[in-house]
Amino acid sequence: EIRQRANILQDAAVACTGNQLSTEQRTAAHAAAHKLAGTLGTFNLAHGSYLARQFELALASEEIPDAEFANRLADLAGELRSVIESRKTSA
């Protein structure tokens, strides 16, 4: 479930990079980021929770996606994936 939510964020970041982020995809990614922030906090992954919260806040803003916005989402999604994967390999 954690990986599925991370995939939703990654897909949203990729869509945003291609200037193709739909309202539905933005809404789904916002919800996934919110759930990830809570879940990762529960598993004592404070940094991952922080990254997910930053992703959530970015999507909640009224900011019109541009290249800088897309790059920020891509960076957050990539770093979040690294946190999740590093936890998986150390568990």
Protein backbone atom coordinates (compact mmCIF):
# COMPACT_ATOMS: atom_id res chain seq x y z
CA GLU A 1 0.00 0.00 0.00
CA ILE A 2 2.85 2.39 0.81
CA ARG A 3 4.52 1.61 -2.50
CA GLN A 4 1.22 2.06 -4.37
CA ARG A 5 0.80 5.52 -2.85
CA ALA A 6 4.40 6.39 -3.69
CA ASN A 7 3.68 5.28 -7.27
CA ILE A 8 0.69 7.63 -7.41
CA LEU A 9 2.97 10.50 -6.38
CA GLN A 10 5.61 9.49 -8.90
CA ASP A 11 3.02 9.29 -11.67
CA ALA A 12 1.66 12.72 -10.75
CA ALA A 13 5.17 14.19 -10.81
CA VAL A 14 5.83 12.68 -14.24
CA ALA A 15 2.50 13.95 -15.56
CA CYS A 16 3.25 17.39 -14.18
CA THR A 17 6.66 17.38 -15.86
CA GLY A 18 4.89 16.69 -19.17
CA ASN A 19 2.34 19.41 -18.40
CA GLN A 20 -0.38 16.73 -18.31
CA LEU A 21 -1.40 16.66 -14.64
CA SER A 22 -5.18 16.30 -14.61
CA THR A 23 -7.42 17.53 -11.83
CA GLU A 24 -8.30 13.93 -10.96
CA GLN A 25 -4.65 12.92 -10.81
CA ARG A 26 -3.80 15.96 -8.68
CA THR A 27 -6.64 15.08 -6.28
CA ALA A 28 -5.56 11.42 -6.07
CA ALA A 29 -1.93 12.39 -5.48
CA HIS A 30 -2.95 14.90 -2.80
CA ALA A 31 -4.91 12.18 -0.98
CA ALA A 32 -2.08 9.65 -1.36
CA ALA A 33 0.46 12.15 -0.02
CA HIS A 34 -1.77 12.90 2.98
CA LYS A 35 -2.14 9.19 3.78
CA LEU A 36 1.58 8.57 3.28
CA ALA A 37 2.49 11.39 5.66
CA GLY A 38 0.47 9.74 8.41
CA THR A 39 1.50 6.18 7.64
CA LEU A 40 5.21 6.94 7.44
CA GLY A 41 5.02 8.85 10.70
CA THR A 42 3.46 5.79 12.31
CA PHE A 43 6.43 3.72 11.12
CA ASN A 44 8.85 6.24 12.63
CA LEU A 45 9.97 7.53 9.24
CA ALA A 46 9.85 11.20 10.14
CA HIS A 47 11.76 12.36 7.06
CA GLY A 48 9.46 10.39 4.76
CA SER A 49 6.45 11.83 6.55
CA TYR A 50 7.89 15.33 6.08
CA LEU A 51 8.47 14.74 2.35
CA ALA A 52 4.95 13.41 1.85
CA ARG A 53 3.56 16.43 3.70
CA GLN A 54 5.56 18.78 1.44
CA PHE A 55 4.14 16.99 -1.60
CA GLU A 56 0.64 17.31 -0.14
CA LEU A 57 1.09 21.03 0.53
CA ALA A 58 2.44 21.64 -2.96
CA LEU A 59 -0.62 20.02 -4.49
CA ALA A 60 -2.97 21.88 -2.17
CA SER A 61 -1.63 25.23 -3.31
CA GLU A 62 -3.28 27.24 -6.02
CA GLU A 63 0.05 27.40 -7.82
CA ILE A 64 -0.23 26.73 -11.52
CA PRO A 65 2.13 23.88 -12.39
CA ASP A 66 5.21 25.06 -14.25
CA ALA A 67 8.67 23.59 -14.75
CA GLU A 68 9.85 24.61 -11.27
CA PHE A 69 6.73 23.12 -9.66
CA ALA A 70 7.14 19.91 -11.67
CA ASN A 71 10.80 19.62 -10.70
CA ARG A 72 9.91 20.08 -7.03
CA LEU A 73 7.32 17.30 -7.21
CA ALA A 74 9.78 15.02 -9.02
CA ASP A 75 12.47 15.68 -6.41
CA LEU A 76 10.07 15.03 -3.53
CA ALA A 77 8.73 11.84 -5.13
CA GLY A 78 12.25 10.54 -5.81
CA GLU A 79 13.49 11.28 -2.31
CA LEU A 80 10.37 9.76 -0.81
CA ARG A 81 10.86 6.60 -2.86
CA SER A 82 14.45 6.40 -1.57
CA VAL A 83 13.28 6.67 2.03
CA ILE A 84 10.69 3.95 1.51
CA GLU A 85 13.09 1.63 -0.31
CA SER A 86 15.86 2.11 2.24
CA ARG A 87 13.44 1.15 5.00
CA LYS A 88 12.41 -1.94 3.05
CA THR A 89 16.00 -3.11 2.61
CA SER A 90 16.90 -2.47 6.26
CA ALA A 91 13.82 -4.23 7.66
